PDB file of N, CA and C in Angstrom:
ATOM      1  N   MET A   1     113.831  47.207-242.330  1.00  0.00           N
ATOM      2  CA  MET A   1     114.852  46.454-241.647  1.00  0.00           C
ATOM      3  C   MET A   1     114.254  45.808-240.404  1.00  0.00           C
ATOM      4  N   GLN A   2     114.479  44.532-240.272  1.00  0.00           N
ATOM      5  CA  GLN A   2     113.872  43.792-239.171  1.00  0.00           C
ATOM      6  C   GLN A   2     114.913  43.527-238.090  1.00  0.00           C
ATOM      7  N   SER A   3     114.500  43.681-236.841  1.00  0.00           N
ATOM      8  CA  SER A   3     115.404  43.484-235.715  1.00  0.00           C
ATOM      9  C   SER A   3     115.658  41.993-235.492  1.00  0.00           C
ATOM     10  N   TYR A   4     116.833  41.687-234.970  1.00  0.00           N
ATOM     11  CA  TYR A   4     117.155  40.305-234.664  1.00  0.00           C
ATOM     12  C   TYR A   4     116.467  39.805-233.404  1.00  0.00           C
ATOM     13  N   LEU A   5     115.922  40.721-232.616  1.00  0.00           N
ATOM     14  CA  LEU A   5     115.225  40.319-231.399  1.00  0.00           C
ATOM     15  C   LEU A   5     113.750  40.041-231.622  1.00  0.00           C
ATOM     16  N   CYS A   6     113.282  40.248-232.829  1.00  0.00           N
ATOM     17  CA  CYS A   6     111.864  40.085-233.135  1.00  0.00           C
ATOM     18  C   CYS A   6     111.480  38.611-233.111  1.00  0.00           C
ATOM     19  N   HIS A   7     110.351  38.317-232.505  1.00  0.00           N
ATOM     20  CA  HIS A   7     109.843  36.948-232.494  1.00  0.00           C
ATOM     21  C   HIS A   7     109.470  36.540-233.913  1.00  0.00           C
ATOM     22  N   GLY A   8     109.836  35.344-234.300  1.00  0.00           N
ATOM     23  CA  GLY A   8     109.457  34.824-235.603  1.00  0.00           C
ATOM     24  C   GLY A   8     110.285  35.363-236.747  1.00  0.00           C
ATOM     25  N   SER A   9     111.446  35.913-236.461  1.00  0.00           N
ATOM     26  CA  SER A   9     112.291  36.455-237.514  1.00  0.00           C
ATOM     27  C   SER A   9     112.857  35.326-238.364  1.00  0.00           C
ATOM     28  N   GLU A  10     112.744  35.452-239.680  1.00  0.00           N
ATOM     29  CA  GLU A  10     113.243  34.410-240.572  1.00  0.00           C
ATOM     30  C   GLU A  10     114.763  34.371-240.597  1.00  0.00           C
ATOM     31  N   THR A  11     115.408  35.442-240.194  1.00  0.00           N
ATOM     32  CA  THR A  11     116.865  35.496-240.263  1.00  0.00           C
ATOM     33  C   THR A  11     117.530  34.722-239.136  1.00  0.00           C
ATOM     34  N   MET A  12     116.808  34.403-238.085  1.00  0.00           N
ATOM     35  CA  MET A  12     117.422  33.743-236.949  1.00  0.00           C
ATOM     36  C   MET A  12     117.507  32.236-237.107  1.00  0.00           C
ATOM     37  N   GLY A  13     116.521  31.624-237.624  1.00  0.00           N
ATOM     38  CA  GLY A  13     116.510  30.175-237.692  1.00  0.00           C
ATOM     39  C   GLY A  13     116.016  29.568-236.395  1.00  0.00           C
ATOM     40  N   LYS A  14     116.092  28.245-236.299  1.00  0.00           N
ATOM     41  CA  LYS A  14     115.548  27.546-235.145  1.00  0.00           C
ATOM     42  C   LYS A  14     116.347  27.799-233.868  1.00  0.00           C
ATOM     43  N   GLY A  15     117.667  27.924-233.967  1.00  0.00           N
ATOM     44  CA  GLY A  15     118.480  28.171-232.775  1.00  0.00           C
ATOM     45  C   GLY A  15     118.160  29.499-232.132  1.00  0.00           C
ATOM     46  N   GLY A  16     117.950  30.535-232.938  1.00  0.00           N
ATOM     47  CA  GLY A  16     117.611  31.849-232.414  1.00  0.00           C
ATOM     48  C   GLY A  16     116.247  31.869-231.775  1.00  0.00           C
ATOM     49  N   ASP A  17     115.298  31.142-232.350  1.00  0.00           N
ATOM     50  CA  ASP A  17     113.957  31.073-231.769  1.00  0.00           C
ATOM     51  C   ASP A  17     113.997  30.425-230.388  1.00  0.00           C
ATOM     52  N   LYS A  18     114.803  29.383-230.252  1.00  0.00           N
ATOM     53  CA  LYS A  18     114.929  28.722-228.950  1.00  0.00           C
ATOM     54  C   LYS A  18     115.575  29.655-227.937  1.00  0.00           C
ATOM     55  N   MET A  19     116.520  30.451-228.399  1.00  0.00           N
ATOM     56  CA  MET A  19     117.195  31.385-227.508  1.00  0.00           C
ATOM     57  C   MET A  19     116.225  32.460-227.014  1.00  0.00           C
ATOM     58  N   ILE A  20     115.404  32.986-227.908  1.00  0.00           N
ATOM     59  CA  ILE A  20     114.415  33.990-227.519  1.00  0.00           C
ATOM     60  C   ILE A  20     113.403  33.381-226.555  1.00  0.00           C
ATOM     61  N   TYR A  21     112.969  32.147-226.828  1.00  0.00           N
ATOM     62  CA  TYR A  21     112.020  31.473-225.938  1.00  0.00           C
ATOM     63  C   TYR A  21     112.635  31.287-224.556  1.00  0.00           C
ATOM     64  N   LEU A  22     113.898  30.879-224.504  1.00  0.00           N
ATOM     65  CA  LEU A  22     114.591  30.705-223.229  1.00  0.00           C
ATOM     66  C   LEU A  22     114.707  32.040-222.495  1.00  0.00           C
ATOM     67  N   LEU A  23     114.994  33.101-223.235  1.00  0.00           N
ATOM     68  CA  LEU A  23     115.077  34.430-222.642  1.00  0.00           C
ATOM     69  C   LEU A  23     113.731  34.864-222.068  1.00  0.00           C
ATOM     70  N   ASP A  24     112.656  34.597-222.797  1.00  0.00           N
ATOM     71  CA  ASP A  24     111.314  34.920-222.299  1.00  0.00           C
ATOM     72  C   ASP A  24     111.000  34.170-221.008  1.00  0.00           C
ATOM     73  N   VAL A  25     111.326  32.907-220.968  1.00  0.00           N
ATOM     74  CA  VAL A  25     111.064  32.090-219.776  1.00  0.00           C
ATOM     75  C   VAL A  25     111.892  32.583-218.592  1.00  0.00           C
ATOM     76  N   LEU A  26     113.155  32.934-218.843  1.00  0.00           N
ATOM     77  CA  LEU A  26     113.997  33.441-217.758  1.00  0.00           C
ATOM     78  C   LEU A  26     113.481  34.777-217.230  1.00  0.00           C
ATOM     79  N   PHE A  27     113.076  35.669-218.126  1.00  0.00           N
ATOM     80  CA  PHE A  27     112.505  36.933-217.682  1.00  0.00           C
ATOM     81  C   PHE A  27     111.245  36.707-216.853  1.00  0.00           C
ATOM     82  N   LEU A  28     110.391  35.810-217.294  1.00  0.00           N
ATOM     83  CA  LEU A  28     109.168  35.514-216.546  1.00  0.00           C
ATOM     84  C   LEU A  28     109.500  34.936-215.175  1.00  0.00           C
ATOM     85  N   LEU A  29     110.470  34.054-215.124  1.00  0.00           N
ATOM     86  CA  LEU A  29     110.892  33.472-213.846  1.00  0.00           C
ATOM     87  C   LEU A  29     111.423  34.553-212.907  1.00  0.00           C
ATOM     88  N   PHE A  30     112.260  35.445-213.424  1.00  0.00           N
ATOM     89  CA  PHE A  30     112.779  36.538-212.600  1.00  0.00           C
ATOM     90  C   PHE A  30     111.658  37.448-212.111  1.00  0.00           C
ATOM     91  N   LEU A  31     110.654  37.702-212.951  1.00  0.00           N
ATOM     92  CA  LEU A  31     109.530  38.537-212.536  1.00  0.00           C
ATOM     93  C   LEU A  31     108.757  37.909-211.388  1.00  0.00           C
ATOM     94  N   VAL A  32     108.482  36.620-211.495  1.00  0.00           N
ATOM     95  CA  VAL A  32     107.746  35.926-210.434  1.00  0.00           C
ATOM     96  C   VAL A  32     108.551  35.927-209.139  1.00  0.00           C
ATOM     97  N   ILE A  33     109.853  35.680-209.250  1.00  0.00           N
ATOM     98  CA  ILE A  33     110.708  35.680-208.052  1.00  0.00           C
ATOM     99  C   ILE A  33     110.723  37.068-207.414  1.00  0.00           C
ATOM    100  N   CYS A  34     110.891  38.103-208.228  1.00  0.00           N
ATOM    101  CA  CYS A  34     110.900  39.476-207.688  1.00  0.00           C
ATOM    102  C   CYS A  34     109.581  39.805-207.010  1.00  0.00           C
ATOM    103  N   ALA A  35     108.481  39.423-207.607  1.00  0.00           N
ATOM    104  CA  ALA A  35     107.173  39.717-207.019  1.00  0.00           C
ATOM    105  C   ALA A  35     107.011  39.006-205.674  1.00  0.00           C
ATOM    106  N   LEU A  36     107.385  37.748-205.610  1.00  0.00           N
ATOM    107  CA  LEU A  36     107.255  36.995-204.361  1.00  0.00           C
ATOM    108  C   LEU A  36     108.180  37.528-203.277  1.00  0.00           C
ATOM    109  N   VAL A  37     109.400  37.889-203.658  1.00  0.00           N
ATOM    110  CA  VAL A  37     110.349  38.429-202.684  1.00  0.00           C
ATOM    111  C   VAL A  37     109.876  39.791-202.176  1.00  0.00           C
ATOM    112  N   ALA A  38     109.379  40.640-203.079  1.00  0.00           N
ATOM    113  CA  ALA A  38     108.922  41.977-202.674  1.00  0.00           C
ATOM    114  C   ALA A  38     107.771  41.901-201.682  1.00  0.00           C
ATOM    115  N   VAL A  39     106.895  40.946-201.866  1.00  0.00           N
ATOM    116  CA  VAL A  39     105.748  40.807-200.969  1.00  0.00           C
ATOM    117  C   VAL A  39     106.162  40.208-199.630  1.00  0.00           C
ATOM    118  N   SER A  40     107.161  39.350-199.632  1.00  0.00           N
ATOM    119  CA  SER A  40     107.519  38.626-198.410  1.00  0.00           C
ATOM    120  C   SER A  40     108.517  39.374-197.518  1.00  0.00           C
ATOM    121  N   LEU A  41     109.185  40.395-198.019  1.00  0.00           N
ATOM    122  CA  LEU A  41     110.164  41.113-197.205  1.00  0.00           C
ATOM    123  C   LEU A  41     109.485  41.961-196.135  1.00  0.00           C
ATOM    124  N   LYS A  42     110.112  42.039-194.973  1.00  0.00           N
ATOM    125  CA  LYS A  42     109.590  42.858-193.881  1.00  0.00           C
ATOM    126  C   LYS A  42     110.119  44.291-193.959  1.00  0.00           C
ATOM    127  N   ASP A  43     111.329  44.462-194.476  1.00  0.00           N
ATOM    128  CA  ASP A  43     111.909  45.798-194.606  1.00  0.00           C
ATOM    129  C   ASP A  43     111.359  46.436-195.881  1.00  0.00           C
ATOM    130  N   LEU A  44     110.644  47.542-195.715  1.00  0.00           N
ATOM    131  CA  LEU A  44     109.966  48.163-196.843  1.00  0.00           C
ATOM    132  C   LEU A  44     110.939  48.761-197.849  1.00  0.00           C
ATOM    133  N   LEU A  45     112.099  49.230-197.404  1.00  0.00           N
ATOM    134  CA  LEU A  45     113.090  49.749-198.345  1.00  0.00           C
ATOM    135  C   LEU A  45     113.600  48.639-199.250  1.00  0.00           C
ATOM    136  N   ASP A  46     113.823  47.468-198.689  1.00  0.00           N
ATOM    137  CA  ASP A  46     114.230  46.327-199.509  1.00  0.00           C
ATOM    138  C   ASP A  46     113.152  45.971-200.529  1.00  0.00           C
ATOM    139  N   SER A  47     111.896  46.046-200.110  1.00  0.00           N
ATOM    140  CA  SER A  47     110.792  45.775-201.039  1.00  0.00           C
ATOM    141  C   SER A  47     110.757  46.779-202.178  1.00  0.00           C
ATOM    142  N   VAL A  48     111.025  48.044-201.868  1.00  0.00           N
ATOM    143  CA  VAL A  48     111.044  49.074-202.907  1.00  0.00           C
ATOM    144  C   VAL A  48     112.165  48.799-203.903  1.00  0.00           C
ATOM    145  N   ILE A  49     113.317  48.382-203.409  1.00  0.00           N
ATOM    146  CA  ILE A  49     114.442  48.081-204.297  1.00  0.00           C
ATOM    147  C   ILE A  49     114.111  46.892-205.189  1.00  0.00           C
ATOM    148  N   VAL A  50     113.485  45.872-204.638  1.00  0.00           N
ATOM    149  CA  VAL A  50     113.104  44.705-205.434  1.00  0.00           C
ATOM    150  C   VAL A  50     112.049  45.089-206.476  1.00  0.00           C
ATOM    151  N   LEU A  51     111.131  45.972-206.126  1.00  0.00           N
ATOM    152  CA  LEU A  51     110.142  46.439-207.102  1.00  0.00           C
ATOM    153  C   LEU A  51     110.799  47.255-208.216  1.00  0.00           C
ATOM    154  N   ALA A  52     111.856  47.977-207.902  1.00  0.00           N
ATOM    155  CA  ALA A  52     112.600  48.689-208.944  1.00  0.00           C
ATOM    156  C   ALA A  52     113.270  47.709-209.900  1.00  0.00           C
ATOM    157  N   VAL A  53     113.810  46.635-209.357  1.00  0.00           N
ATOM    158  CA  VAL A  53     114.396  45.587-210.205  1.00  0.00           C
ATOM    159  C   VAL A  53     113.315  44.945-211.065  1.00  0.00           C
ATOM    160  N   TYR A  54     112.152  44.719-210.475  1.00  0.00           N
ATOM    161  CA  TYR A  54     111.011  44.175-211.224  1.00  0.00           C
ATOM    162  C   TYR A  54     110.678  45.075-212.413  1.00  0.00           C
ATOM    163  N   SER A  55     110.657  46.365-212.177  1.00  0.00           N
ATOM    164  CA  SER A  55     110.330  47.310-213.235  1.00  0.00           C
ATOM    165  C   SER A  55     111.406  47.318-214.325  1.00  0.00           C
ATOM    166  N   LEU A  56     112.657  47.198-213.931  1.00  0.00           N
ATOM    167  CA  LEU A  56     113.727  47.143-214.935  1.00  0.00           C
ATOM    168  C   LEU A  56     113.647  45.870-215.769  1.00  0.00           C
ATOM    169  N   ILE A  57     113.294  44.766-215.148  1.00  0.00           N
ATOM    170  CA  ILE A  57     113.112  43.525-215.906  1.00  0.00           C
ATOM    171  C   ILE A  57     111.946  43.668-216.880  1.00  0.00           C
ATOM    172  N   MET A  58     110.879  44.324-216.427  1.00  0.00           N
ATOM    173  CA  MET A  58     109.758  44.586-217.335  1.00  0.00           C
ATOM    174  C   MET A  58     110.198  45.445-218.519  1.00  0.00           C
ATOM    175  N   ALA A  59     111.062  46.421-218.259  1.00  0.00           N
ATOM    176  CA  ALA A  59     111.578  47.252-219.346  1.00  0.00           C
ATOM    177  C   ALA A  59     112.371  46.410-220.339  1.00  0.00           C
ATOM    178  N   LEU A  60     113.150  45.458-219.838  1.00  0.00           N
ATOM    179  CA  LEU A  60     113.881  44.561-220.742  1.00  0.00           C
ATOM    180  C   LEU A  60     112.937  43.690-221.561  1.00  0.00           C
ATOM    181  N   ILE A  61     111.862  43.254-220.942  1.00  0.00           N
ATOM    182  CA  ILE A  61     110.874  42.446-221.676  1.00  0.00           C
ATOM    183  C   ILE A  61     110.239  43.277-222.785  1.00  0.00           C
ATOM    184  N   TRP A  62     109.863  44.525-222.484  1.00  0.00           N
ATOM    185  CA  TRP A  62     109.282  45.384-223.516  1.00  0.00           C
ATOM    186  C   TRP A  62     110.288  45.625-224.641  1.00  0.00           C
ATOM    187  N   LEU A  63     111.555  45.799-224.279  1.00  0.00           N
ATOM    188  CA  LEU A  63     112.582  46.010-225.296  1.00  0.00           C
ATOM    189  C   LEU A  63     112.758  44.762-226.154  1.00  0.00           C
ATOM    190  N   GLU A  64     112.715  43.611-225.534  1.00  0.00           N
ATOM    191  CA  GLU A  64     112.849  42.344-226.266  1.00  0.00           C
ATOM    192  C   GLU A  64     111.665  42.117-227.200  1.00  0.00           C
ATOM    193  N   MET A  65     110.512  42.694-226.857  1.00  0.00           N
ATOM    194  CA  MET A  65     109.328  42.564-227.714  1.00  0.00           C
ATOM    195  C   MET A  65     109.231  43.696-228.739  1.00  0.00           C
ATOM    196  N   ASN A  66     110.359  44.408-228.939  1.00  0.00           N
ATOM    197  CA  ASN A  66     110.437  45.497-229.924  1.00  0.00           C
ATOM    198  C   ASN A  66     109.468  46.636-229.633  1.00  0.00           C
ATOM    199  N   ALA A  67     109.374  47.011-228.368  1.00  0.00           N
ATOM    200  CA  ALA A  67     108.575  48.167-227.970  1.00  0.00           C
ATOM    201  C   ALA A  67     109.468  49.111-227.155  1.00  0.00           C
ATOM    202  N   PRO A  68     110.436  49.759-227.823  1.00  0.00           N
ATOM    203  CA  PRO A  68     111.396  50.576-227.069  1.00  0.00           C
ATOM    204  C   PRO A  68     110.761  51.792-226.390  1.00  0.00           C
ATOM    205  N   ASP A  69     109.675  52.318-226.964  1.00  0.00           N
ATOM    206  CA  ASP A  69     109.019  53.455-226.324  1.00  0.00           C
ATOM    207  C   ASP A  69     108.393  53.051-224.994  1.00  0.00           C
ATOM    208  N   VAL A  70     107.762  51.890-224.970  1.00  0.00           N
ATOM    209  CA  VAL A  70     107.162  51.394-223.729  1.00  0.00           C
ATOM    210  C   VAL A  70     108.256  51.010-222.735  1.00  0.00           C
ATOM    211  N   ALA A  71     109.356  50.432-223.237  1.00  0.00           N
ATOM    212  CA  ALA A  71     110.476  50.059-222.369  1.00  0.00           C
ATOM    213  C   ALA A  71     111.084  51.292-221.708  1.00  0.00           C
ATOM    214  N   PHE A  72     111.256  52.346-222.487  1.00  0.00           N
ATOM    215  CA  PHE A  72     111.825  53.580-221.936  1.00  0.00           C
ATOM    216  C   PHE A  72     110.893  54.180-220.885  1.00  0.00           C
ATOM    217  N   THR A  73     109.608  54.171-221.163  1.00  0.00           N
ATOM    218  CA  THR A  73     108.631  54.698-220.207  1.00  0.00           C
ATOM    219  C   THR A  73     108.613  53.863-218.933  1.00  0.00           C
ATOM    220  N   GLU A  74     108.658  52.558-219.072  1.00  0.00           N
ATOM    221  CA  GLU A  74     108.682  51.665-217.908  1.00  0.00           C
ATOM    222  C   GLU A  74     109.926  51.910-217.062  1.00  0.00           C
ATOM    223  N   ALA A  75     111.065  52.073-217.712  1.00  0.00           N
ATOM    224  CA  ALA A  75     112.299  52.306-216.966  1.00  0.00           C
ATOM    225  C   ALA A  75     112.279  53.671-216.282  1.00  0.00           C
ATOM    226  N   ALA A  76     111.806  54.681-216.987  1.00  0.00           N
ATOM    227  CA  ALA A  76     111.820  56.033-216.425  1.00  0.00           C
ATOM    228  C   ALA A  76     110.786  56.202-215.317  1.00  0.00           C
ATOM    229  N   ILE A  77     109.565  55.784-215.576  1.00  0.00           N
ATOM    230  CA  ILE A  77     108.487  55.969-214.605  1.00  0.00           C
ATOM    231  C   ILE A  77     108.498  54.866-213.556  1.00  0.00           C
ATOM    232  N   GLY A  78     108.510  53.622-214.009  1.00  0.00           N
ATOM    233  CA  GLY A  78     108.421  52.497-213.081  1.00  0.00           C
ATOM    234  C   GLY A  78     109.617  52.377-212.168  1.00  0.00           C
ATOM    235  N   ALA A  79     110.818  52.378-212.739  1.00  0.00           N
ATOM    236  CA  ALA A  79     112.013  52.198-211.917  1.00  0.00           C
ATOM    237  C   ALA A  79     112.530  53.513-211.361  1.00  0.00           C
ATOM    238  N   GLY A  80     112.308  54.596-212.065  1.00  0.00           N
ATOM    239  CA  GLY A  80     112.855  55.875-211.631  1.00  0.00           C
ATOM    240  C   GLY A  80     111.956  56.662-210.709  1.00  0.00           C
ATOM    241  N   VAL A  81     110.887  57.198-211.252  1.00  0.00           N
ATOM    242  CA  VAL A  81     110.021  58.103-210.498  1.00  0.00           C
ATOM    243  C   VAL A  81     109.303  57.376-209.361  1.00  0.00           C
ATOM    244  N   THR A  82     108.756  56.214-209.654  1.00  0.00           N
ATOM    245  CA  THR A  82     108.016  55.477-208.618  1.00  0.00           C
ATOM    246  C   THR A  82     108.928  55.084-207.462  1.00  0.00           C
ATOM    247  N   THR A  83     110.125  54.629-207.773  1.00  0.00           N
ATOM    248  CA  THR A  83     111.067  54.268-206.713  1.00  0.00           C
ATOM    249  C   THR A  83     111.422  55.487-205.874  1.00  0.00           C
ATOM    250  N   PHE A  84     111.652  56.610-206.528  1.00  0.00           N
ATOM    251  CA  PHE A  84     111.949  57.846-205.789  1.00  0.00           C
ATOM    252  C   PHE A  84     110.791  58.223-204.870  1.00  0.00           C
ATOM    253  N   LEU A  85     109.566  58.143-205.370  1.00  0.00           N
ATOM    254  CA  LEU A  85     108.404  58.499-204.545  1.00  0.00           C
ATOM    255  C   LEU A  85     108.220  57.531-203.376  1.00  0.00           C
ATOM    256  N   PHE A  86     108.445  56.238-203.617  1.00  0.00           N
ATOM    257  CA  PHE A  86     108.354  55.265-202.524  1.00  0.00           C
ATOM    258  C   PHE A  86     109.404  55.555-201.448  1.00  0.00           C
ATOM    259  N   ILE A  87     110.626  55.844-201.857  1.00  0.00           N
ATOM    260  CA  ILE A  87     111.690  56.115-200.886  1.00  0.00           C
ATOM    261  C   ILE A  87     111.407  57.418-200.142  1.00  0.00           C
ATOM    262  N   ALA A  88     110.904  58.425-200.844  1.00  0.00           N
ATOM    263  CA  ALA A  88     110.546  59.684-200.178  1.00  0.00           C
ATOM    264  C   ALA A  88     109.440  59.449-199.156  1.00  0.00           C
ATOM    265  N   THR A  89     108.513  58.562-199.455  1.00  0.00           N
ATOM    266  CA  THR A  89     107.457  58.233-198.497  1.00  0.00           C
ATOM    267  C   THR A  89     108.020  57.477-197.304  1.00  0.00           C
ATOM    268  N   LEU A  90     108.958  56.569-197.554  1.00  0.00           N
ATOM    269  CA  LEU A  90     109.553  55.799-196.454  1.00  0.00           C
ATOM    270  C   LEU A  90     110.356  56.683-195.506  1.00  0.00           C
ATOM    271  N   VAL A  91     110.936  57.758-196.032  1.00  0.00           N
ATOM    272  CA  VAL A  91     111.689  58.667-195.171  1.00  0.00           C
ATOM    273  C   VAL A  91     110.776  59.310-194.148  1.00  0.00           C
ATOM    274  N   LYS A  92     109.536  59.546-194.529  1.00  0.00           N
ATOM    275  CA  LYS A  92     108.576  60.207-193.649  1.00  0.00           C
ATOM    276  C   LYS A  92     107.758  59.229-192.800  1.00  0.00           C
ATOM    277  N   THR A  93     107.938  57.942-193.021  1.00  0.00           N
ATOM    278  CA  THR A  93     107.180  56.929-192.260  1.00  0.00           C
ATOM    279  C   THR A  93     108.138  55.929-191.644  1.00  0.00           C
ATOM    280  N   VAL A  94     107.580  54.852-191.121  1.00  0.00           N
ATOM    281  CA  VAL A  94     108.369  53.785-190.502  1.00  0.00           C
ATOM    282  C   VAL A  94     108.889  52.871-191.602  1.00  0.00           C
ATOM    283  N   ARG A  95     110.175  52.488-191.474  1.00  0.00           N
ATOM    284  CA  ARG A  95     110.805  51.683-192.518  1.00  0.00           C
ATOM    285  C   ARG A  95     110.425  50.202-192.455  1.00  0.00           C
ATOM    286  N   ARG A  96     110.249  49.673-191.256  1.00  0.00           N
ATOM    287  CA  ARG A  96     109.983  48.245-191.119  1.00  0.00           C
ATOM    288  C   ARG A  96     108.494  48.011-190.867  1.00  0.00           C
ATOM    289  N   GLU A  97     108.006  46.944-191.489  1.00  0.00           N
ATOM    290  CA  GLU A  97     106.624  46.542-191.278  1.00  0.00           C
ATOM    291  C   GLU A  97     106.545  45.754-189.981  1.00  0.00           C
ATOM    292  N   LYS A  98     105.423  45.883-189.275  1.00  0.00           N
ATOM    293  CA  LYS A  98     105.259  45.154-188.002  1.00  0.00           C
ATOM    294  C   LYS A  98     104.816  43.741-188.233  1.00  0.00           C
TER     295      LYS A  98
END
């Protein structure tokens, strides 16, 4: 059984292929925006939150590419554990960058 989200699926036709391509471009655009915003913010907590959003978008991209195991790992480790560790570090340090 083939997923409808798979690239090149014969069941979708040309309209579905364009939709997947548009989705890929939008995800890439959101990733670039998140990366630029995370680097440019002065408040480190805000940067951590934006990086968590970046990781969740990456998880959606992995899911869209039919890699649910990698998507789950990205969401759990990237958005979950890493964000928790960053916030725990910020509690013990200065929140704003000079």
